[in-house]
Amino acid sequence: MQIAFSSRMMKRGCPGAVGFAFVLLLIGAAYAAVAGDPPAPSCDGGAEAYDRKADEYEAAATRYRAWAAAERMFATDPYGNEWELTRRAERLAAAALRSRSHAAESRREAAAPTGAASDGCSAATIPDPS
């Protein structure tokens, strides 16, 4: 009965149900992409690892902002998932900024004379925004 009702809604063109299903699908795909452990930077590629992770965070933040906009357009409840999606996008954008600052710090340490730092590279790991 439930499947028949859902397919009837889809055939009639219920934009709220289609939009909601699309948002849920995208959230699941993004969670799987972002949920992986970040790589630990090494001395020779630390800044590049931070920059790659910042790019990933920025791309995920952009996706979450798009999903929040879709939720705003298709949601029947004005206080639905839009707020949660927007907050997640803000956290990801902040993580991207932190990662960029870690990359700059790693570059400064790599450019510093060998005696200035104990091992010549940062021992910090890439932060997880969640």
N, C-alpha and C. Protein backbone atom coordinates (compact mmCIF):
# COMPACT_ATOMS: atom_id res chain seq x y z
N MET A 1 0.82 -1.19 0.00
CA MET A 1 0.00 0.00 0.00
C MET A 1 0.87 1.26 0.00
N GLN A 2 1.90 1.25 0.84
CA GLN A 2 2.77 2.43 0.95
C GLN A 2 3.51 2.68 -0.37
N ILE A 3 3.99 1.63 -1.02
CA ILE A 3 4.71 1.79 -2.28
C ILE A 3 3.78 2.30 -3.36
N ALA A 4 2.56 1.79 -3.40
CA ALA A 4 1.60 2.25 -4.40
C ALA A 4 1.27 3.72 -4.16
N PHE A 5 1.13 4.12 -2.92
CA PHE A 5 0.84 5.52 -2.61
C PHE A 5 2.01 6.41 -3.03
N SER A 6 3.24 5.97 -2.75
CA SER A 6 4.41 6.75 -3.13
C SER A 6 4.54 6.88 -4.64
N SER A 7 4.32 5.78 -5.37
CA SER A 7 4.44 5.86 -6.82
C SER A 7 3.33 6.73 -7.41
N ARG A 8 2.13 6.72 -6.79
CA ARG A 8 1.06 7.59 -7.25
C ARG A 8 1.44 9.05 -7.04
N MET A 9 2.09 9.35 -5.92
CA MET A 9 2.53 10.72 -5.66
C MET A 9 3.56 11.15 -6.69
N MET A 10 4.47 10.25 -7.03
CA MET A 10 5.50 10.57 -8.00
C MET A 10 4.90 10.79 -9.39
N LYS A 11 3.92 9.96 -9.77
CA LYS A 11 3.29 10.09 -11.09
C LYS A 11 2.47 11.37 -11.20
N ARG A 12 1.89 11.77 -10.11
CA ARG A 12 1.09 13.00 -10.12
C ARG A 12 1.98 14.24 -10.10
N GLY A 13 3.23 14.06 -9.85
CA GLY A 13 4.14 15.19 -9.87
C GLY A 13 4.14 15.97 -8.57
N CYS A 14 4.11 15.29 -7.47
CA CYS A 14 4.15 15.96 -6.17
C CYS A 14 5.57 16.49 -5.95
N PRO A 15 5.82 17.79 -6.17
CA PRO A 15 7.18 18.32 -6.10
C PRO A 15 7.79 18.25 -4.71
N GLY A 16 6.97 18.33 -3.67
CA GLY A 16 7.50 18.25 -2.31
C GLY A 16 8.12 16.89 -2.03
N ALA A 17 7.44 15.83 -2.41
CA ALA A 17 7.93 14.48 -2.17
C ALA A 17 9.18 14.20 -3.01
N VAL A 18 9.17 14.63 -4.24
CA VAL A 18 10.33 14.42 -5.11
C VAL A 18 11.52 15.20 -4.60
N GLY A 19 11.29 16.46 -4.24
CA GLY A 19 12.37 17.28 -3.71
C GLY A 19 12.92 16.72 -2.42
N PHE A 20 12.05 16.28 -1.53
CA PHE A 20 12.49 15.71 -0.27
C PHE A 20 13.30 14.44 -0.49
N ALA A 21 12.84 13.58 -1.39
CA ALA A 21 13.58 12.35 -1.69
C ALA A 21 14.94 12.68 -2.29
N PHE A 22 14.99 13.68 -3.15
CA PHE A 22 16.26 14.09 -3.76
C PHE A 22 17.22 14.63 -2.71
N VAL A 23 16.73 15.44 -1.79
CA VAL A 23 17.57 15.99 -0.73
C VAL A 23 18.11 14.87 0.15
N LEU A 24 17.26 13.92 0.50
CA LEU A 24 17.72 12.80 1.33
C LEU A 24 18.79 11.98 0.62
N LEU A 25 18.62 11.77 -0.67
CA LEU A 25 19.61 11.02 -1.44
C LEU A 25 20.95 11.76 -1.46
N LEU A 26 20.91 13.06 -1.67
CA LEU A 26 22.14 13.84 -1.69
C LEU A 26 22.82 13.90 -0.33
N ILE A 27 22.04 14.00 0.73
CA ILE A 27 22.61 14.01 2.08
C ILE A 27 23.34 12.70 2.35
N GLY A 28 22.74 11.61 1.97
CA GLY A 28 23.40 10.32 2.18
C GLY A 28 24.69 10.20 1.40
N ALA A 29 24.70 10.69 0.17
CA ALA A 29 25.92 10.63 -0.64
C ALA A 29 26.99 11.54 -0.07
N ALA A 30 26.60 12.71 0.41
CA ALA A 30 27.59 13.65 0.97
C ALA A 30 28.16 13.11 2.26
N TYR A 31 27.32 12.51 3.09
CA TYR A 31 27.81 11.97 4.35
C TYR A 31 28.85 10.89 4.09
N ALA A 32 28.61 10.05 3.12
CA ALA A 32 29.58 9.00 2.79
C ALA A 32 30.88 9.60 2.28
N ALA A 33 30.81 10.70 1.55
CA ALA A 33 32.01 11.33 1.01
C ALA A 33 32.80 12.06 2.08
N VAL A 34 32.12 12.69 3.03
CA VAL A 34 32.79 13.50 4.04
C VAL A 34 33.19 12.67 5.25
N ALA A 35 32.55 11.53 5.46
CA ALA A 35 32.75 10.77 6.68
C ALA A 35 34.12 10.08 6.76
N GLY A 36 34.84 9.99 5.68
CA GLY A 36 36.14 9.32 5.71
C GLY A 36 37.15 10.04 6.57
N ASP A 37 38.10 9.31 7.11
CA ASP A 37 39.14 9.92 7.93
C ASP A 37 40.07 10.75 7.07
N PRO A 38 40.44 11.94 7.55
CA PRO A 38 41.35 12.77 6.77
C PRO A 38 42.77 12.21 6.83
N PRO A 39 43.55 12.40 5.79
CA PRO A 39 44.91 11.88 5.80
C PRO A 39 45.78 12.70 6.73
N ALA A 40 46.74 12.05 7.36
CA ALA A 40 47.71 12.76 8.19
C ALA A 40 48.77 13.35 7.27
N PRO A 41 49.04 14.64 7.41
CA PRO A 41 50.02 15.26 6.52
C PRO A 41 51.44 14.79 6.82
N SER A 42 52.24 14.69 5.79
CA SER A 42 53.63 14.33 5.97
C SER A 42 54.47 15.58 5.79
N CYS A 43 55.76 15.49 6.08
CA CYS A 43 56.63 16.67 6.00
C CYS A 43 56.73 17.20 4.58
N ASP A 44 56.76 16.32 3.60
CA ASP A 44 56.95 16.79 2.23
C ASP A 44 55.65 17.23 1.56
N GLY A 45 54.51 16.75 2.01
CA GLY A 45 53.26 17.10 1.34
C GLY A 45 52.21 17.61 2.30
N GLY A 46 52.59 18.14 3.44
CA GLY A 46 51.63 18.58 4.45
C GLY A 46 50.72 19.68 3.95
N ALA A 47 51.30 20.71 3.35
CA ALA A 47 50.50 21.83 2.87
C ALA A 47 49.56 21.38 1.76
N GLU A 48 50.01 20.50 0.90
CA GLU A 48 49.16 20.02 -0.18
C GLU A 48 48.00 19.19 0.37
N ALA A 49 48.26 18.40 1.40
CA ALA A 49 47.19 17.60 2.01
C ALA A 49 46.15 18.51 2.66
N TYR A 50 46.62 19.56 3.33
CA TYR A 50 45.69 20.51 3.93
C TYR A 50 44.87 21.22 2.85
N ASP A 51 45.50 21.61 1.76
CA ASP A 51 44.79 22.28 0.68
C ASP A 51 43.76 21.36 0.03
N ARG A 52 44.13 20.09 -0.18
CA ARG A 52 43.17 19.13 -0.75
C ARG A 52 41.97 18.97 0.17
N LYS A 53 42.24 18.85 1.48
CA LYS A 53 41.15 18.67 2.43
C LYS A 53 40.28 19.92 2.47
N ALA A 54 40.89 21.11 2.39
CA ALA A 54 40.12 22.35 2.37
C ALA A 54 39.23 22.41 1.13
N ASP A 55 39.74 21.95 -0.01
CA ASP A 55 38.92 21.90 -1.23
C ASP A 55 37.72 20.98 -1.04
N GLU A 56 37.96 19.83 -0.37
CA GLU A 56 36.86 18.90 -0.12
C GLU A 56 35.82 19.54 0.80
N TYR A 57 36.28 20.21 1.85
CA TYR A 57 35.36 20.87 2.77
C TYR A 57 34.55 21.95 2.06
N GLU A 58 35.20 22.73 1.21
CA GLU A 58 34.49 23.80 0.49
C GLU A 58 33.46 23.23 -0.47
N ALA A 59 33.80 22.14 -1.15
CA ALA A 59 32.85 21.51 -2.06
C ALA A 59 31.64 20.96 -1.29
N ALA A 60 31.91 20.33 -0.15
CA ALA A 60 30.81 19.80 0.67
C ALA A 60 29.94 20.94 1.21
N ALA A 61 30.56 22.05 1.62
CA ALA A 61 29.79 23.20 2.12
C ALA A 61 28.89 23.75 1.02
N THR A 62 29.40 23.79 -0.20
CA THR A 62 28.59 24.26 -1.32
C THR A 62 27.40 23.33 -1.56
N ARG A 63 27.63 22.02 -1.46
CA ARG A 63 26.53 21.07 -1.63
C ARG A 63 25.48 21.25 -0.53
N TYR A 64 25.93 21.42 0.71
CA TYR A 64 24.99 21.59 1.81
C TYR A 64 24.18 22.88 1.65
N ARG A 65 24.82 23.94 1.16
CA ARG A 65 24.08 25.18 0.93
C ARG A 65 23.02 24.98 -0.15
N ALA A 66 23.36 24.22 -1.19
CA ALA A 66 22.38 23.92 -2.25
C ALA A 66 21.23 23.09 -1.71
N TRP A 67 21.53 22.13 -0.85
CA TRP A 67 20.47 21.31 -0.27
C TRP A 67 19.58 22.13 0.65
N ALA A 68 20.18 23.08 1.37
CA ALA A 68 19.38 23.95 2.22
C ALA A 68 18.44 24.80 1.37
N ALA A 69 18.94 25.28 0.24
CA ALA A 69 18.09 26.06 -0.66
C ALA A 69 16.96 25.19 -1.22
N ALA A 70 17.26 23.95 -1.57
CA ALA A 70 16.23 23.04 -2.07
C ALA A 70 15.21 22.75 -0.97
N GLU A 71 15.70 22.59 0.24
CA GLU A 71 14.80 22.34 1.37
C GLU A 71 13.89 23.56 1.58
N ARG A 72 14.44 24.74 1.44
CA ARG A 72 13.66 25.97 1.58
C ARG A 72 12.56 26.02 0.51
N MET A 73 12.88 25.56 -0.70
CA MET A 73 11.92 25.62 -1.80
C MET A 73 10.82 24.56 -1.69
N PHE A 74 11.18 23.34 -1.27
CA PHE A 74 10.25 22.23 -1.34
C PHE A 74 9.67 21.80 0.00
N ALA A 75 10.19 22.30 1.11
CA ALA A 75 9.74 21.82 2.41
C ALA A 75 8.33 22.29 2.73
N THR A 76 7.59 21.42 3.38
CA THR A 76 6.26 21.79 3.85
C THR A 76 6.33 22.36 5.26
N ASP A 77 7.38 22.03 5.97
CA ASP A 77 7.59 22.52 7.34
C ASP A 77 8.62 23.64 7.31
N PRO A 78 8.28 24.85 7.74
CA PRO A 78 9.24 25.96 7.66
C PRO A 78 10.45 25.77 8.57
N TYR A 79 10.35 24.89 9.55
CA TYR A 79 11.47 24.67 10.47
C TYR A 79 12.04 23.27 10.30
N GLY A 80 12.15 22.83 9.08
CA GLY A 80 12.63 21.49 8.78
C GLY A 80 14.14 21.38 8.81
N ASN A 81 14.67 20.71 7.83
CA ASN A 81 16.10 20.41 7.77
C ASN A 81 16.94 21.57 7.28
N GLU A 82 16.34 22.64 6.81
CA GLU A 82 17.11 23.75 6.25
C GLU A 82 18.12 24.29 7.26
N TRP A 83 17.70 24.45 8.50
CA TRP A 83 18.58 24.99 9.53
C TRP A 83 19.77 24.05 9.77
N GLU A 84 19.50 22.75 9.86
CA GLU A 84 20.56 21.78 10.08
C GLU A 84 21.55 21.76 8.91
N LEU A 85 21.02 21.81 7.70
CA LEU A 85 21.88 21.81 6.52
C LEU A 85 22.74 23.08 6.46
N THR A 86 22.15 24.21 6.81
CA THR A 86 22.91 25.46 6.81
C THR A 86 23.99 25.43 7.87
N ARG A 87 23.69 24.91 9.06
CA ARG A 87 24.70 24.81 10.12
C ARG A 87 25.85 23.90 9.70
N ARG A 88 25.53 22.79 9.05
CA ARG A 88 26.58 21.87 8.58
C ARG A 88 27.46 22.57 7.53
N ALA A 89 26.85 23.34 6.65
CA ALA A 89 27.62 24.08 5.65
C ALA A 89 28.54 25.09 6.32
N GLU A 90 28.06 25.76 7.37
CA GLU A 90 28.89 26.71 8.10
C GLU A 90 30.07 26.02 8.77
N ARG A 91 29.82 24.85 9.36
CA ARG A 91 30.91 24.10 10.01
C ARG A 91 31.95 23.65 8.98
N LEU A 92 31.49 23.21 7.82
CA LEU A 92 32.43 22.79 6.78
C LEU A 92 33.23 23.96 6.24
N ALA A 93 32.59 25.12 6.08
CA ALA A 93 33.32 26.31 5.61
C ALA A 93 34.36 26.73 6.65
N ALA A 94 34.03 26.65 7.94
CA ALA A 94 34.99 26.98 8.99
C ALA A 94 36.15 25.98 8.99
N ALA A 95 35.85 24.71 8.75
CA ALA A 95 36.91 23.70 8.69
C ALA A 95 37.82 23.96 7.50
N ALA A 96 37.26 24.42 6.39
CA ALA A 96 38.08 24.75 5.22
C ALA A 96 39.02 25.90 5.55
N LEU A 97 38.52 26.92 6.26
CA LEU A 97 39.39 28.03 6.65
C LEU A 97 40.51 27.57 7.58
N ARG A 98 40.16 26.71 8.54
CA ARG A 98 41.21 26.17 9.45
C ARG A 98 42.23 25.36 8.68
N SER A 99 41.77 24.58 7.72
CA SER A 99 42.68 23.77 6.93
C SER A 99 43.60 24.65 6.09
N ARG A 100 43.05 25.72 5.52
CA ARG A 100 43.89 26.66 4.76
C ARG A 100 44.93 27.32 5.66
N SER A 101 44.55 27.66 6.89
CA SER A 101 45.53 28.27 7.79
C SER A 101 46.60 27.26 8.20
N HIS A 102 46.21 26.00 8.38
CA HIS A 102 47.20 24.95 8.67
C HIS A 102 48.15 24.77 7.49
N ALA A 103 47.62 24.88 6.27
CA ALA A 103 48.47 24.76 5.08
C ALA A 103 49.48 25.90 5.04
N ALA A 104 49.03 27.11 5.34
CA ALA A 104 49.95 28.25 5.36
C ALA A 104 51.01 28.08 6.43
N GLU A 105 50.59 27.58 7.60
CA GLU A 105 51.56 27.34 8.68
C GLU A 105 52.56 26.27 8.28
N SER A 106 52.09 25.23 7.63
CA SER A 106 52.98 24.16 7.18
C SER A 106 53.98 24.69 6.16
N ARG A 107 53.52 25.55 5.27
CA ARG A 107 54.45 26.14 4.29
C ARG A 107 55.49 27.03 4.97
N ARG A 108 55.07 27.80 5.98
CA ARG A 108 56.02 28.64 6.71
C ARG A 108 57.07 27.78 7.41
N GLU A 109 56.62 26.69 8.03
CA GLU A 109 57.56 25.81 8.73
C GLU A 109 58.50 25.12 7.76
N ALA A 110 57.99 24.75 6.58
CA ALA A 110 58.85 24.10 5.59
C ALA A 110 59.88 25.09 5.04
N ALA A 111 59.50 26.37 4.94
CA ALA A 111 60.41 27.38 4.41
C ALA A 111 61.39 27.89 5.47
N ALA A 112 61.10 27.63 6.74
CA ALA A 112 61.97 28.10 7.82
C ALA A 112 63.30 27.34 7.79
N PRO A 113 64.35 27.95 8.31
CA PRO A 113 65.62 27.23 8.39
C PRO A 113 65.46 25.96 9.22
N THR A 114 66.29 24.98 8.96
CA THR A 114 66.15 23.67 9.59
C THR A 114 66.23 23.72 11.10
N GLY A 115 66.97 24.60 11.66
CA GLY A 115 67.10 24.67 13.11
C GLY A 115 65.92 25.35 13.78
N ALA A 116 65.08 26.06 13.03
CA ALA A 116 63.99 26.81 13.62
C ALA A 116 62.89 25.90 14.17
N ALA A 117 62.60 24.82 13.49
CA ALA A 117 61.58 23.88 13.95
C ALA A 117 62.26 22.58 14.36
N SER A 118 61.65 21.87 15.28
CA SER A 118 62.28 20.66 15.79
C SER A 118 62.45 19.60 14.71
N ASP A 119 61.43 19.39 13.89
CA ASP A 119 61.52 18.36 12.84
C ASP A 119 61.28 18.91 11.45
N GLY A 120 61.03 20.21 11.30
CA GLY A 120 60.87 20.81 9.99
C GLY A 120 59.47 20.73 9.42
N CYS A 121 58.53 20.13 10.15
CA CYS A 121 57.16 20.09 9.68
C CYS A 121 56.21 20.07 10.87
N SER A 122 54.97 20.40 10.61
CA SER A 122 53.98 20.47 11.66
C SER A 122 53.52 19.07 12.04
N ALA A 123 53.29 18.89 13.34
CA ALA A 123 52.81 17.60 13.81
C ALA A 123 51.29 17.60 13.93
N ALA A 124 50.65 18.69 13.60
CA ALA A 124 49.20 18.80 13.70
C ALA A 124 48.54 17.94 12.64
N THR A 125 47.34 17.48 12.95
CA THR A 125 46.58 16.69 11.98
C THR A 125 45.45 17.55 11.45
N ILE A 126 44.90 17.14 10.33
CA ILE A 126 43.81 17.89 9.71
C ILE A 126 42.57 17.73 10.59
N PRO A 127 41.91 18.84 10.96
CA PRO A 127 40.77 18.75 11.86
C PRO A 127 39.54 18.19 11.17
N ASP A 128 38.70 17.53 11.97
CA ASP A 128 37.43 17.01 11.47
C ASP A 128 36.35 18.00 11.85
N PRO A 129 35.53 18.49 10.89
CA PRO A 129 34.57 19.53 11.20
C PRO A 129 33.38 19.08 12.02
N SER A 130 33.17 17.78 12.18
CA SER A 130 31.98 17.34 12.91
C SER A 130 32.29 17.23 14.35
